[in-house]
Amino acid sequence: MQAGLRENKLMTKEAKQSLKYDSAYKKLFSHPEMIKSLILDYVPEEWVNYIDFDSLEKQNGSYVADNLVQRHDDLIWRLKIKDQWCYYPGG
């Protein structure tokens, strides 16, 4: 039996449900319209008015941070605020 199949059979019901929700979460937050809506609806800060939502770009979730630590995030978005690039974790 292949290792992947064996691991899948050993997963608990809760773990399988968690993976299902994680996949749905990643799919939902992979759309720029959803990210724009979340920011506009839930961030009550003045700087939100300066975001160029046409600049939204999905980025690779694996990267090296400024402190040289490797990071692995599900979703990272890049956008411009007052002509400066900023990075936003999409969830």
Protein backbone atom coordinates (compact mmCIF):
# COMPACT_ATOMS: atom_id res chain seq x y z
CA MET A 1 0.00 0.00 0.00
CA GLN A 2 1.31 3.46 -0.84
CA ALA A 3 2.29 5.71 2.06
CA GLY A 4 -0.18 8.45 1.08
CA LEU A 5 -3.10 6.03 1.02
CA ARG A 6 -2.06 4.47 4.32
CA GLU A 7 -1.82 7.91 5.97
CA ASN A 8 -5.20 8.89 4.55
CA LYS A 9 -6.86 5.81 6.06
CA LEU A 10 -5.28 6.55 9.44
CA MET A 11 -6.49 10.16 9.56
CA THR A 12 -9.17 10.91 12.08
CA LYS A 13 -12.55 12.19 10.99
CA GLU A 14 -11.70 15.57 12.55
CA ALA A 15 -8.40 15.79 10.63
CA LYS A 16 -10.14 15.00 7.33
CA GLN A 17 -12.78 17.65 8.07
CA SER A 18 -10.05 20.16 8.91
CA LEU A 19 -8.31 19.51 5.58
CA LYS A 20 -11.63 19.97 3.78
CA TYR A 21 -12.18 23.34 5.46
CA ASP A 22 -8.56 24.36 4.84
CA SER A 23 -8.98 23.70 1.11
CA ALA A 24 -12.22 25.68 1.01
CA TYR A 25 -10.55 28.52 2.93
CA LYS A 26 -7.62 28.62 0.48
CA LYS A 27 -9.96 28.64 -2.50
CA LEU A 28 -12.16 31.38 -1.05
CA PHE A 29 -9.25 33.66 -0.15
CA SER A 30 -7.49 33.16 -3.48
CA HIS A 31 -9.78 35.66 -5.21
CA PRO A 32 -8.78 39.35 -5.27
CA GLU A 33 -12.43 40.43 -4.97
CA MET A 34 -12.71 38.60 -1.65
CA ILE A 35 -9.55 40.19 -0.29
CA LYS A 36 -10.75 43.64 -1.32
CA SER A 37 -14.12 43.06 0.31
CA LEU A 38 -12.55 41.81 3.55
CA ILE A 39 -10.25 44.81 3.82
CA LEU A 40 -12.97 47.34 3.04
CA ASP A 41 -15.55 45.72 5.33
CA TYR A 42 -13.37 44.88 8.34
CA VAL A 43 -10.48 47.36 8.51
CA PRO A 44 -11.85 50.68 9.79
CA GLU A 45 -8.62 52.61 9.25
CA GLU A 46 -8.06 55.69 7.11
CA TRP A 47 -5.10 54.15 5.24
CA VAL A 48 -7.51 51.72 3.54
CA ASN A 49 -8.62 54.66 1.37
CA TYR A 50 -5.12 54.79 -0.15
CA ILE A 51 -5.02 51.17 -1.32
CA ASP A 52 -4.79 50.62 -5.05
CA PHE A 53 -6.94 47.48 -5.29
CA ASP A 54 -6.10 47.14 -8.98
CA SER A 55 -2.55 46.34 -7.87
CA LEU A 56 -3.56 43.20 -5.90
CA GLU A 57 -1.26 40.31 -6.83
CA LYS A 58 -1.17 36.84 -5.31
CA GLN A 59 2.37 35.91 -4.20
CA ASN A 60 4.21 32.71 -3.43
CA GLY A 61 3.52 31.71 0.18
CA SER A 62 7.10 30.49 0.75
CA TYR A 63 9.67 33.22 1.24
CA VAL A 64 12.56 34.45 3.35
CA ALA A 65 11.60 37.26 5.74
CA ASP A 66 13.72 40.35 6.37
CA ASN A 67 15.23 38.63 9.44
CA LEU A 68 16.33 35.74 7.14
CA VAL A 69 13.83 33.28 8.61
CA GLN A 70 12.09 31.01 6.09
CA ARG A 71 8.31 31.44 6.12
CA HIS A 72 5.58 29.28 4.64
CA ASP A 73 2.14 30.86 4.54
CA ASP A 74 -0.95 29.70 2.68
CA LEU A 75 -1.68 32.94 0.85
CA ILE A 76 0.17 36.22 0.53
CA TRP A 77 -1.13 39.22 -1.37
CA ARG A 78 0.89 42.18 -2.59
CA LEU A 79 -0.78 45.56 -3.08
CA LYS A 80 0.14 49.21 -3.34
CA ILE A 81 -0.66 51.79 -0.68
CA LYS A 82 0.35 55.31 -1.72
CA ASP A 83 2.59 53.85 -4.45
CA GLN A 84 4.46 51.61 -1.99
CA TRP A 85 4.27 47.83 -2.24
CA CYS A 86 2.89 46.14 0.87
CA TYR A 87 2.27 42.48 1.66
CA TYR A 88 -0.94 41.18 3.17
CA PRO A 89 -1.52 37.64 4.49
CA GLY A 90 -4.81 36.50 2.95
CA GLY A 91 -6.21 34.82 5.90
